[in-house]
Amino acid sequence: MPKIFNFPFLGKTYEIFFKTEHYAYNGNLALQAYTKEGELFADVSVNIMGALGAEEGKDHICVDVNNLPMASFGEIVKAGVLTPTGRQAQSGFCTYPIYKVDLTKI
């Protein structure tokens, strides 16, 4: 059974869990959030070409803050699932923070 996290978003708190995939283009980690009922809630990661090296792409993601506010990830960061690296990736007019993902905690 996956670990359930609270995710406050647009005035409501959702219970979500994570699934991992890999982007077809470069094999980087892709992270998706699903509701407790198993419906896709959101793509958490975004694949930005050149933002992550091959090794780093196995357990780091660019968080899609263009669609999900970083403030909603409080419980997830506190639980150690996502750890900030202090780095960012630019794509168009958006800047995406790069986080390390502890896959053992999801």
PDB file of N, CA and C in Angstrom:
ATOM      1  N   MET A   1       0.847  -1.183   0.000  1.00  0.00           N
ATOM      2  CA  MET A   1       0.000   0.000   0.000  1.00  0.00           C
ATOM      3  C   MET A   1       0.893   1.247   0.000  1.00  0.00           C
ATOM      4  N   PRO A   2       0.661   2.171  -0.922  1.00  0.00           N
ATOM      5  CA  PRO A   2       1.487   3.387  -0.965  1.00  0.00           C
ATOM      6  C   PRO A   2       1.200   4.301   0.225  1.00  0.00           C
ATOM      7  N   LYS A   3       2.166   5.121   0.557  1.00  0.00           N
ATOM      8  CA  LYS A   3       2.011   6.076   1.647  1.00  0.00           C
ATOM      9  C   LYS A   3       1.121   7.230   1.176  1.00  0.00           C
ATOM     10  N   ILE A   4       0.161   7.605   2.012  1.00  0.00           N
ATOM     11  CA  ILE A   4      -0.780   8.686   1.708  1.00  0.00           C
ATOM     12  C   ILE A   4      -0.280   9.985   2.354  1.00  0.00           C
ATOM     13  N   PHE A   5      -0.338  11.068   1.590  1.00  0.00           N
ATOM     14  CA  PHE A   5       0.069  12.392   2.067  1.00  0.00           C
ATOM     15  C   PHE A   5      -1.076  13.371   1.902  1.00  0.00           C
ATOM     16  N   ASN A   6      -1.136  14.361   2.791  1.00  0.00           N
ATOM     17  CA  ASN A   6      -2.091  15.455   2.643  1.00  0.00           C
ATOM     18  C   ASN A   6      -1.488  16.488   1.708  1.00  0.00           C
ATOM     19  N   PHE A   7      -2.317  16.985   0.794  1.00  0.00           N
ATOM     20  CA  PHE A   7      -1.861  17.947  -0.193  1.00  0.00           C
ATOM     21  C   PHE A   7      -2.887  19.068  -0.288  1.00  0.00           C
ATOM     22  N   PRO A   8      -2.648  20.197   0.408  1.00  0.00           N
ATOM     23  CA  PRO A   8      -3.588  21.325   0.332  1.00  0.00           C
ATOM     24  C   PRO A   8      -3.463  22.034  -1.017  1.00  0.00           C
ATOM     25  N   PHE A   9      -4.605  22.200  -1.668  1.00  0.00           N
ATOM     26  CA  PHE A   9      -4.601  22.809  -3.000  1.00  0.00           C
ATOM     27  C   PHE A   9      -5.948  23.465  -3.263  1.00  0.00           C
ATOM     28  N   LEU A  10      -5.926  24.743  -3.593  1.00  0.00           N
ATOM     29  CA  LEU A  10      -7.133  25.522  -3.925  1.00  0.00           C
ATOM     30  C   LEU A  10      -8.202  25.428  -2.835  1.00  0.00           C
ATOM     31  N   GLY A  11      -7.767  25.568  -1.578  1.00  0.00           N
ATOM     32  CA  GLY A  11      -8.705  25.614  -0.467  1.00  0.00           C
ATOM     33  C   GLY A  11      -9.226  24.276   0.007  1.00  0.00           C
ATOM     34  N   LYS A  12      -8.730  23.197  -0.530  1.00  0.00           N
ATOM     35  CA  LYS A  12      -9.162  21.863  -0.119  1.00  0.00           C
ATOM     36  C   LYS A  12      -7.905  21.017   0.119  1.00  0.00           C
ATOM     37  N   THR A  13      -7.990  20.049   1.026  1.00  0.00           N
ATOM     38  CA  THR A  13      -6.867  19.145   1.254  1.00  0.00           C
ATOM     39  C   THR A  13      -7.188  17.799   0.634  1.00  0.00           C
ATOM     40  N   TYR A  14      -6.311  17.361  -0.243  1.00  0.00           N
ATOM     41  CA  TYR A  14      -6.476  16.078  -0.935  1.00  0.00           C
ATOM     42  C   TYR A  14      -5.555  15.048  -0.302  1.00  0.00           C
ATOM     43  N   GLU A  15      -5.992  13.814  -0.289  1.00  0.00           N
ATOM     44  CA  GLU A  15      -5.141  12.714   0.140  1.00  0.00           C
ATOM     45  C   GLU A  15      -4.585  12.073  -1.120  1.00  0.00           C
ATOM     46  N   ILE A  16      -3.253  12.100  -1.236  1.00  0.00           N
ATOM     47  CA  ILE A  16      -2.616  11.631  -2.463  1.00  0.00           C
ATOM     48  C   ILE A  16      -1.526  10.596  -2.157  1.00  0.00           C
ATOM     49  N   PHE A  17      -1.155   9.869  -3.190  1.00  0.00           N
ATOM     50  CA  PHE A  17       0.031   9.025  -3.135  1.00  0.00           C
ATOM     51  C   PHE A  17       0.769   9.196  -4.449  1.00  0.00           C
ATOM     52  N   PHE A  18       1.988   8.716  -4.498  1.00  0.00           N
ATOM     53  CA  PHE A  18       2.834   8.924  -5.664  1.00  0.00           C
ATOM     54  C   PHE A  18       3.097   7.631  -6.424  1.00  0.00           C
ATOM     55  N   LYS A  19       3.244   7.789  -7.720  1.00  0.00           N
ATOM     56  CA  LYS A  19       3.717   6.725  -8.601  1.00  0.00           C
ATOM     57  C   LYS A  19       4.878   7.291  -9.409  1.00  0.00           C
ATOM     58  N   THR A  20       5.824   6.431  -9.703  1.00  0.00           N
ATOM     59  CA  THR A  20       6.958   6.866 -10.507  1.00  0.00           C
ATOM     60  C   THR A  20       6.906   6.216 -11.882  1.00  0.00           C
ATOM     61  N   GLU A  21       7.397   6.935 -12.826  1.00  0.00           N
ATOM     62  CA  GLU A  21       7.569   6.479 -14.204  1.00  0.00           C
ATOM     63  C   GLU A  21       8.905   7.038 -14.663  1.00  0.00           C
ATOM     64  N   HIS A  22       9.188   6.883 -15.939  1.00  0.00           N
ATOM     65  CA  HIS A  22      10.392   7.478 -16.518  1.00  0.00           C
ATOM     66  C   HIS A  22      10.024   8.111 -17.853  1.00  0.00           C
ATOM     67  N   TYR A  23      10.576   9.279 -18.097  1.00  0.00           N
ATOM     68  CA  TYR A  23      10.325   9.954 -19.364  1.00  0.00           C
ATOM     69  C   TYR A  23      10.978   9.163 -20.498  1.00  0.00           C
ATOM     70  N   ALA A  24      10.242   8.999 -21.588  1.00  0.00           N
ATOM     71  CA  ALA A  24      10.715   8.195 -22.717  1.00  0.00           C
ATOM     72  C   ALA A  24      11.949   8.809 -23.369  1.00  0.00           C
ATOM     73  N   TYR A  25      12.012  10.115 -23.430  1.00  0.00           N
ATOM     74  CA  TYR A  25      13.084  10.786 -24.161  1.00  0.00           C
ATOM     75  C   TYR A  25      14.461  10.539 -23.552  1.00  0.00           C
ATOM     76  N   ASN A  26      14.565  10.688 -22.220  1.00  0.00           N
ATOM     77  CA  ASN A  26      15.887  10.590 -21.599  1.00  0.00           C
ATOM     78  C   ASN A  26      15.940   9.675 -20.377  1.00  0.00           C
ATOM     79  N   GLY A  27      14.832   9.054 -20.033  1.00  0.00           N
ATOM     80  CA  GLY A  27      14.806   8.123 -18.911  1.00  0.00           C
ATOM     81  C   GLY A  27      14.773   8.765 -17.546  1.00  0.00           C
ATOM     82  N   ASN A  28      14.677  10.092 -17.464  1.00  0.00           N
ATOM     83  CA  ASN A  28      14.609  10.769 -16.169  1.00  0.00           C
ATOM     84  C   ASN A  28      13.370  10.342 -15.399  1.00  0.00           C
ATOM     85  N   LEU A  29      13.474  10.450 -14.085  1.00  0.00           N
ATOM     86  CA  LEU A  29      12.380  10.125 -13.189  1.00  0.00           C
ATOM     87  C   LEU A  29      11.187  11.045 -13.449  1.00  0.00           C
ATOM     88  N   ALA A  30      10.013  10.452 -13.523  1.00  0.00           N
ATOM     89  CA  ALA A  30       8.761  11.209 -13.622  1.00  0.00           C
ATOM     90  C   ALA A  30       7.938  10.860 -12.388  1.00  0.00           C
ATOM     91  N   LEU A  31       7.375  11.857 -11.745  1.00  0.00           N
ATOM     92  CA  LEU A  31       6.603  11.648 -10.527  1.00  0.00           C
ATOM     93  C   LEU A  31       5.179  12.151 -10.752  1.00  0.00           C
ATOM     94  N   GLN A  32       4.216  11.281 -10.437  1.00  0.00           N
ATOM     95  CA  GLN A  32       2.804  11.628 -10.578  1.00  0.00           C
ATOM     96  C   GLN A  32       2.107  11.431  -9.238  1.00  0.00           C
ATOM     97  N   ALA A  33       1.109  12.272  -8.975  1.00  0.00           N
ATOM     98  CA  ALA A  33       0.304  12.167  -7.762  1.00  0.00           C
ATOM     99  C   ALA A  33      -1.076  11.637  -8.134  1.00  0.00           C
ATOM    100  N   TYR A  34      -1.567  10.718  -7.315  1.00  0.00           N
ATOM    101  CA  TYR A  34      -2.890  10.119  -7.508  1.00  0.00           C
ATOM    102  C   TYR A  34      -3.710  10.328  -6.247  1.00  0.00           C
ATOM    103  N   THR A  35      -5.011  10.465  -6.411  1.00  0.00           N
ATOM    104  CA  THR A  35      -5.879  10.554  -5.246  1.00  0.00           C
ATOM    105  C   THR A  35      -5.912   9.204  -4.548  1.00  0.00           C
ATOM    106  N   LYS A  36      -6.345   9.219  -3.313  1.00  0.00           N
ATOM    107  CA  LYS A  36      -6.445   7.984  -2.535  1.00  0.00           C
ATOM    108  C   LYS A  36      -7.304   6.948  -3.254  1.00  0.00           C
ATOM    109  N   GLU A  37      -8.239   7.428  -4.083  1.00  0.00           N
ATOM    110  CA  GLU A  37      -9.132   6.541  -4.833  1.00  0.00           C
ATOM    111  C   GLU A  37      -8.489   5.998  -6.110  1.00  0.00           C
ATOM    112  N   GLY A  38      -7.279   6.460  -6.419  1.00  0.00           N
ATOM    113  CA  GLY A  38      -6.543   5.952  -7.566  1.00  0.00           C
ATOM    114  C   GLY A  38      -6.683   6.748  -8.847  1.00  0.00           C
ATOM    115  N   GLU A  39      -7.266   7.945  -8.781  1.00  0.00           N
ATOM    116  CA  GLU A  39      -7.391   8.797  -9.966  1.00  0.00           C
ATOM    117  C   GLU A  39      -6.179   9.724 -10.068  1.00  0.00           C
ATOM    118  N   LEU A  40      -5.703   9.946 -11.291  1.00  0.00           N
ATOM    119  CA  LEU A  40      -4.578  10.862 -11.494  1.00  0.00           C
ATOM    120  C   LEU A  40      -4.962  12.245 -10.982  1.00  0.00           C
ATOM    121  N   PHE A  41      -4.141  12.792 -10.100  1.00  0.00           N
ATOM    122  CA  PHE A  41      -4.370  14.123  -9.543  1.00  0.00           C
ATOM    123  C   PHE A  41      -3.532  15.161 -10.288  1.00  0.00           C
ATOM    124  N   ALA A  42      -2.232  14.850 -10.474  1.00  0.00           N
ATOM    125  CA  ALA A  42      -1.350  15.814 -11.136  1.00  0.00           C
ATOM    126  C   ALA A  42      -0.023  15.176 -11.489  1.00  0.00           C
ATOM    127  N   ASP A  43       0.605  15.739 -12.512  1.00  0.00           N
ATOM    128  CA  ASP A  43       1.999  15.436 -12.797  1.00  0.00           C
ATOM    129  C   ASP A  43       2.816  16.352 -11.898  1.00  0.00           C
ATOM    130  N   VAL A  44       3.631  15.777 -11.056  1.00  0.00           N
ATOM    131  CA  VAL A  44       4.419  16.552 -10.106  1.00  0.00           C
ATOM    132  C   VAL A  44       5.714  17.047 -10.743  1.00  0.00           C
ATOM    133  N   SER A  45       6.263  16.264 -11.637  1.00  0.00           N
ATOM    134  CA  SER A  45       7.531  16.619 -12.266  1.00  0.00           C
ATOM    135  C   SER A  45       7.313  17.111 -13.689  1.00  0.00           C
ATOM    136  N   VAL A  46       8.309  17.829 -14.160  1.00  0.00           N
ATOM    137  CA  VAL A  46       8.341  18.277 -15.545  1.00  0.00           C
ATOM    138  C   VAL A  46       9.730  17.939 -16.087  1.00  0.00           C
ATOM    139  N   ASN A  47       9.792  17.491 -17.320  1.00  0.00           N
ATOM    140  CA  ASN A  47      11.049  17.061 -17.916  1.00  0.00           C
ATOM    141  C   ASN A  47      11.651  18.214 -18.713  1.00  0.00           C
ATOM    142  N   ILE A  48      12.723  18.779 -18.189  1.00  0.00           N
ATOM    143  CA  ILE A  48      13.385  19.899 -18.847  1.00  0.00           C
ATOM    144  C   ILE A  48      14.721  19.399 -19.380  1.00  0.00           C
ATOM    145  N   MET A  49      14.850  19.410 -20.676  1.00  0.00           N
ATOM    146  CA  MET A  49      16.061  18.902 -21.307  1.00  0.00           C
ATOM    147  C   MET A  49      17.305  19.617 -20.786  1.00  0.00           C
ATOM    148  N   GLY A  50      18.301  18.849 -20.386  1.00  0.00           N
ATOM    149  CA  GLY A  50      19.568  19.391 -19.931  1.00  0.00           C
ATOM    150  C   GLY A  50      19.607  19.847 -18.479  1.00  0.00           C
ATOM    151  N   ALA A  51      18.474  19.803 -17.786  1.00  0.00           N
ATOM    152  CA  ALA A  51      18.450  20.267 -16.395  1.00  0.00           C
ATOM    153  C   ALA A  51      19.113  19.282 -15.448  1.00  0.00           C
ATOM    154  N   LEU A  52      19.020  17.990 -15.761  1.00  0.00           N
ATOM    155  CA  LEU A  52      19.563  16.940 -14.898  1.00  0.00           C
ATOM    156  C   LEU A  52      20.507  16.057 -15.690  1.00  0.00           C
ATOM    157  N   GLY A  53      21.597  15.667 -15.057  1.00  0.00           N
ATOM    158  CA  GLY A  53      22.504  14.715 -15.688  1.00  0.00           C
ATOM    159  C   GLY A  53      21.900  13.313 -15.648  1.00  0.00           C
ATOM    160  N   ALA A  54      22.492  12.387 -16.366  1.00  0.00           N
ATOM    161  CA  ALA A  54      21.956  11.019 -16.472  1.00  0.00           C
ATOM    162  C   ALA A  54      21.819  10.355 -15.108  1.00  0.00           C
ATOM    163  N   GLU A  55      22.831  10.437 -14.260  1.00  0.00           N
ATOM    164  CA  GLU A  55      22.754   9.821 -12.930  1.00  0.00           C
ATOM    165  C   GLU A  55      21.761  10.559 -12.046  1.00  0.00           C
ATOM    166  N   GLU A  56      21.828  11.863 -12.089  1.00  0.00           N
ATOM    167  CA  GLU A  56      20.949  12.683 -11.262  1.00  0.00           C
ATOM    168  C   GLU A  56      19.488  12.481 -11.632  1.00  0.00           C
ATOM    169  N   GLY A  57      19.214  12.250 -12.904  1.00  0.00           N
ATOM    170  CA  GLY A  57      17.847  12.063 -13.380  1.00  0.00           C
ATOM    171  C   GLY A  57      17.154  10.839 -12.813  1.00  0.00           C
ATOM    172  N   LYS A  58      17.917   9.956 -12.167  1.00  0.00           N
ATOM    173  CA  LYS A  58      17.323   8.756 -11.571  1.00  0.00           C
ATOM    174  C   LYS A  58      16.562   9.051 -10.286  1.00  0.00           C
ATOM    175  N   ASP A  59      16.969  10.111  -9.570  1.00  0.00           N
ATOM    176  CA  ASP A  59      16.306  10.391  -8.287  1.00  0.00           C
ATOM    177  C   ASP A  59      16.124  11.886  -8.005  1.00  0.00           C
ATOM    178  N   HIS A  60      16.175  12.692  -9.046  1.00  0.00           N
ATOM    179  CA  HIS A  60      15.906  14.124  -8.922  1.00  0.00           C
ATOM    180  C   HIS A  60      14.804  14.496  -9.922  1.00  0.00           C
ATOM    181  N   ILE A  61      14.026  15.508  -9.577  1.00  0.00           N
ATOM    182  CA  ILE A  61      12.992  15.998 -10.492  1.00  0.00           C
ATOM    183  C   ILE A  61      12.979  17.520 -10.487  1.00  0.00           C
ATOM    184  N   CYS A  62      12.439  18.078 -11.555  1.00  0.00           N
ATOM    185  CA  CYS A  62      12.077  19.487 -11.604  1.00  0.00           C
ATOM    186  C   CYS A  62      10.593  19.520 -11.228  1.00  0.00           C
ATOM    187  N   VAL A  63      10.269  20.168 -10.123  1.00  0.00           N
ATOM    188  CA  VAL A  63       8.887  20.204  -9.633  1.00  0.00           C
ATOM    189  C   VAL A  63       8.080  21.181 -10.479  1.00  0.00           C
ATOM    190  N   ASP A  64       6.928  20.730 -10.928  1.00  0.00           N
ATOM    191  CA  ASP A  64       6.078  21.528 -11.818  1.00  0.00           C
ATOM    192  C   ASP A  64       5.305  22.592 -11.039  1.00  0.00           C
ATOM    193  N   VAL A  65       6.028  23.626 -10.601  1.00  0.00           N
ATOM    194  CA  VAL A  65       5.398  24.717  -9.853  1.00  0.00           C
ATOM    195  C   VAL A  65       4.583  25.634 -10.759  1.00  0.00           C
ATOM    196  N   ASN A  66       4.642  25.407 -12.036  1.00  0.00           N
ATOM    197  CA  ASN A  66       3.793  26.160 -12.954  1.00  0.00           C
ATOM    198  C   ASN A  66       2.324  25.746 -12.780  1.00  0.00           C
ATOM    199  N   ASN A  67       2.089  24.517 -12.309  1.00  0.00           N
ATOM    200  CA  ASN A  67       0.734  24.002 -12.119  1.00  0.00           C
ATOM    201  C   ASN A  67       0.401  23.663 -10.674  1.00  0.00           C
ATOM    202  N   LEU A  68       1.420  23.479  -9.842  1.00  0.00           N
ATOM    203  CA  LEU A  68       1.221  23.141  -8.427  1.00  0.00           C
ATOM    204  C   LEU A  68       2.096  24.058  -7.576  1.00  0.00           C
ATOM    205  N   PRO A  69       1.500  24.775  -6.616  1.00  0.00           N
ATOM    206  CA  PRO A  69       2.316  25.673  -5.797  1.00  0.00           C
ATOM    207  C   PRO A  69       3.216  24.889  -4.840  1.00  0.00           C
ATOM    208  N   MET A  70       4.439  25.318  -4.708  1.00  0.00           N
ATOM    209  CA  MET A  70       5.396  24.641  -3.828  1.00  0.00           C
ATOM    210  C   MET A  70       4.882  24.596  -2.397  1.00  0.00           C
ATOM    211  N   ALA A  71       4.105  25.584  -1.979  1.00  0.00           N
ATOM    212  CA  ALA A  71       3.570  25.607  -0.611  1.00  0.00           C
ATOM    213  C   ALA A  71       2.714  24.375  -0.311  1.00  0.00           C
ATOM    214  N   SER A  72       2.111  23.778  -1.332  1.00  0.00           N
ATOM    215  CA  SER A  72       1.277  22.589  -1.134  1.00  0.00           C
ATOM    216  C   SER A  72       2.092  21.354  -0.775  1.00  0.00           C
ATOM    217  N   PHE A  73       3.396  21.403  -0.983  1.00  0.00           N
ATOM    218  CA  PHE A  73       4.255  20.240  -0.754  1.00  0.00           C
ATOM    219  C   PHE A  73       4.838  20.194   0.656  1.00  0.00           C
ATOM    220  N   GLY A  74       4.333  21.027   1.577  1.00  0.00           N
ATOM    221  CA  GLY A  74       4.900  21.120   2.925  1.00  0.00           C
ATOM    222  C   GLY A  74       5.047  19.788   3.635  1.00  0.00           C
ATOM    223  N   GLU A  75       3.971  19.004   3.708  1.00  0.00           N
ATOM    224  CA  GLU A  75       4.022  17.722   4.401  1.00  0.00           C
ATOM    225  C   GLU A  75       4.985  16.763   3.711  1.00  0.00           C
ATOM    226  N   ILE A  76       5.042  16.837   2.403  1.00  0.00           N
ATOM    227  CA  ILE A  76       5.871  15.931   1.620  1.00  0.00           C
ATOM    228  C   ILE A  76       7.356  16.252   1.815  1.00  0.00           C
ATOM    229  N   VAL A  77       7.679  17.537   1.884  1.00  0.00           N
ATOM    230  CA  VAL A  77       9.054  17.947   2.160  1.00  0.00           C
ATOM    231  C   VAL A  77       9.414  17.582   3.601  1.00  0.00           C
ATOM    232  N   LYS A  78       8.515  17.847   4.531  1.00  0.00           N
ATOM    233  CA  LYS A  78       8.755  17.535   5.944  1.00  0.00           C
ATOM    234  C   LYS A  78       8.980  16.037   6.160  1.00  0.00           C
ATOM    235  N   ALA A  79       8.292  15.205   5.384  1.00  0.00           N
ATOM    236  CA  ALA A  79       8.440  13.751   5.484  1.00  0.00           C
ATOM    237  C   ALA A  79       9.734  13.257   4.837  1.00  0.00           C
ATOM    238  N   GLY A  80      10.467  14.147   4.173  1.00  0.00           N
ATOM    239  CA  GLY A  80      11.728  13.765   3.558  1.00  0.00           C
ATOM    240  C   GLY A  80      11.600  13.127   2.191  1.00  0.00           C
ATOM    241  N   VAL A  81      10.415  13.176   1.616  1.00  0.00           N
ATOM    242  CA  VAL A  81      10.218  12.630   0.270  1.00  0.00           C
ATOM    243  C   VAL A  81      10.942  13.508  -0.744  1.00  0.00           C
ATOM    244  N   LEU A  82      10.775  14.804  -0.608  1.00  0.00           N
ATOM    245  CA  LEU A  82      11.436  15.770  -1.482  1.00  0.00           C
ATOM    246  C   LEU A  82      12.413  16.601  -0.664  1.00  0.00           C
ATOM    247  N   THR A  83      13.642  16.708  -1.163  1.00  0.00           N
ATOM    248  CA  THR A  83      14.661  17.509  -0.509  1.00  0.00           C
ATOM    249  C   THR A  83      15.161  18.553  -1.501  1.00  0.00           C
ATOM    250  N   PRO A  84      15.078  19.835  -1.130  1.00  0.00           N
ATOM    251  CA  PRO A  84      15.537  20.874  -2.066  1.00  0.00           C
ATOM    252  C   PRO A  84      17.031  20.791  -2.311  1.00  0.00           C
ATOM    253  N   THR A  85      17.414  21.048  -3.544  1.00  0.00           N
ATOM    254  CA  THR A  85      18.838  21.074  -3.900  1.00  0.00           C
ATOM    255  C   THR A  85      19.370  22.501  -3.934  1.00  0.00           C
ATOM    256  N   GLY A  86      18.463  23.476  -3.967  1.00  0.00           N
ATOM    257  CA  GLY A  86      18.876  24.867  -4.094  1.00  0.00           C
ATOM    258  C   GLY A  86      19.109  25.278  -5.538  1.00  0.00           C
ATOM    259  N   ARG A  87      18.927  24.346  -6.448  1.00  0.00           N
ATOM    260  CA  ARG A  87      19.103  24.619  -7.873  1.00  0.00           C
ATOM    261  C   ARG A  87      17.743  24.795  -8.537  1.00  0.00           C
ATOM    262  N   GLN A  88      17.768  25.401  -9.709  1.00  0.00           N
ATOM    263  CA  GLN A  88      16.554  25.614 -10.490  1.00  0.00           C
ATOM    264  C   GLN A  88      16.845  25.352 -11.958  1.00  0.00           C
ATOM    265  N   ALA A  89      15.777  25.084 -12.692  1.00  0.00           N
ATOM    266  CA  ALA A  89      15.879  24.927 -14.144  1.00  0.00           C
ATOM    267  C   ALA A  89      14.908  25.900 -14.793  1.00  0.00           C
ATOM    268  N   GLN A  90      15.360  26.547 -15.831  1.00  0.00           N
ATOM    269  CA  GLN A  90      14.546  27.528 -16.560  1.00  0.00           C
ATOM    270  C   GLN A  90      13.970  26.883 -17.811  1.00  0.00           C
ATOM    271  N   SER A  91      12.694  27.130 -18.045  1.00  0.00           N
ATOM    272  CA  SER A  91      12.045  26.714 -19.281  1.00  0.00           C
ATOM    273  C   SER A  91      11.022  27.776 -19.643  1.00  0.00           C
ATOM    274  N   GLY A  92      11.254  28.449 -20.740  1.00  0.00           N
ATOM    275  CA  GLY A  92      10.364  29.547 -21.118  1.00  0.00           C
ATOM    276  C   GLY A  92      10.392  30.624 -20.051  1.00  0.00           C
ATOM    277  N   PHE A  93       9.210  31.034 -19.604  1.00  0.00           N
ATOM    278  CA  PHE A  93       9.110  32.063 -18.575  1.00  0.00           C
ATOM    279  C   PHE A  93       9.034  31.485 -17.174  1.00  0.00           C
ATOM    280  N   CYS A  94       9.151  30.172 -17.031  1.00  0.00           N
ATOM    281  CA  CYS A  94       9.020  29.518 -15.731  1.00  0.00           C
ATOM    282  C   CYS A  94      10.357  29.019 -15.212  1.00  0.00           C
ATOM    283  N   THR A  95      10.500  29.071 -13.903  1.00  0.00           N
ATOM    284  CA  THR A  95      11.662  28.535 -13.222  1.00  0.00           C
ATOM    285  C   THR A  95      11.182  27.418 -12.314  1.00  0.00           C
ATOM    286  N   TYR A  96      11.775  26.240 -12.461  1.00  0.00           N
ATOM    287  CA  TYR A  96      11.348  25.059 -11.726  1.00  0.00           C
ATOM    288  C   TYR A  96      12.425  24.647 -10.731  1.00  0.00           C
ATOM    289  N   PRO A  97      12.059  24.498  -9.445  1.00  0.00           N
ATOM    290  CA  PRO A  97      13.051  24.053  -8.461  1.00  0.00           C
ATOM    291  C   PRO A  97      13.381  22.574  -8.660  1.00  0.00           C
ATOM    292  N   ILE A  98      14.638  22.233  -8.429  1.00  0.00           N
ATOM    293  CA  ILE A  98      15.082  20.846  -8.554  1.00  0.00           C
ATOM    294  C   ILE A  98      15.137  20.236  -7.154  1.00  0.00           C
ATOM    295  N   TYR A  99      14.484  19.094  -6.997  1.00  0.00           N
ATOM    296  CA  TYR A  99      14.423  18.385  -5.722  1.00  0.00           C
ATOM    297  C   TYR A  99      14.930  16.968  -5.883  1.00  0.00           C
ATOM    298  N   LYS A 100      15.571  16.486  -4.841  1.00  0.00           N
ATOM    299  CA  LYS A 100      15.932  15.071  -4.791  1.00  0.00           C
ATOM    300  C   LYS A 100      14.740  14.321  -4.217  1.00  0.00           C
ATOM    301  N   VAL A 101      14.438  13.152  -4.787  1.00  0.00           N
ATOM    302  CA  VAL A 101      13.303  12.339  -4.360  1.00  0.00           C
ATOM    303  C   VAL A 101      13.839  11.120  -3.614  1.00  0.00           C
ATOM    304  N   ASP A 102      13.362  10.907  -2.393  1.00  0.00           N
ATOM    305  CA  ASP A 102      13.715   9.690  -1.661  1.00  0.00           C
ATOM    306  C   ASP A 102      12.659   8.650  -1.999  1.00  0.00           C
ATOM    307  N   LEU A 103      12.979   7.798  -2.947  1.00  0.00           N
ATOM    308  CA  LEU A 103      12.019   6.820  -3.463  1.00  0.00           C
ATOM    309  C   LEU A 103      11.604   5.811  -2.402  1.00  0.00           C
ATOM    310  N   THR A 104      12.396   5.642  -1.358  1.00  0.00           N
ATOM    311  CA  THR A 104      12.036   4.694  -0.303  1.00  0.00           C
ATOM    312  C   THR A 104      10.899   5.207   0.575  1.00  0.00           C
ATOM    313  N   LYS A 105      10.610   6.500   0.483  1.00  0.00           N
ATOM    314  CA  LYS A 105       9.583   7.099   1.352  1.00  0.00           C
ATOM    315  C   LYS A 105       8.240   7.266   0.668  1.00  0.00           C
ATOM    316  N   ILE A 106       8.135   6.790  -0.565  1.00  0.00           N
ATOM    317  CA  ILE A 106       6.839   6.876  -1.227  1.00  0.00           C
ATOM    318  C   ILE A 106       6.321   5.477  -1.444  1.00  0.00           C
TER     319      ILE A 106
END
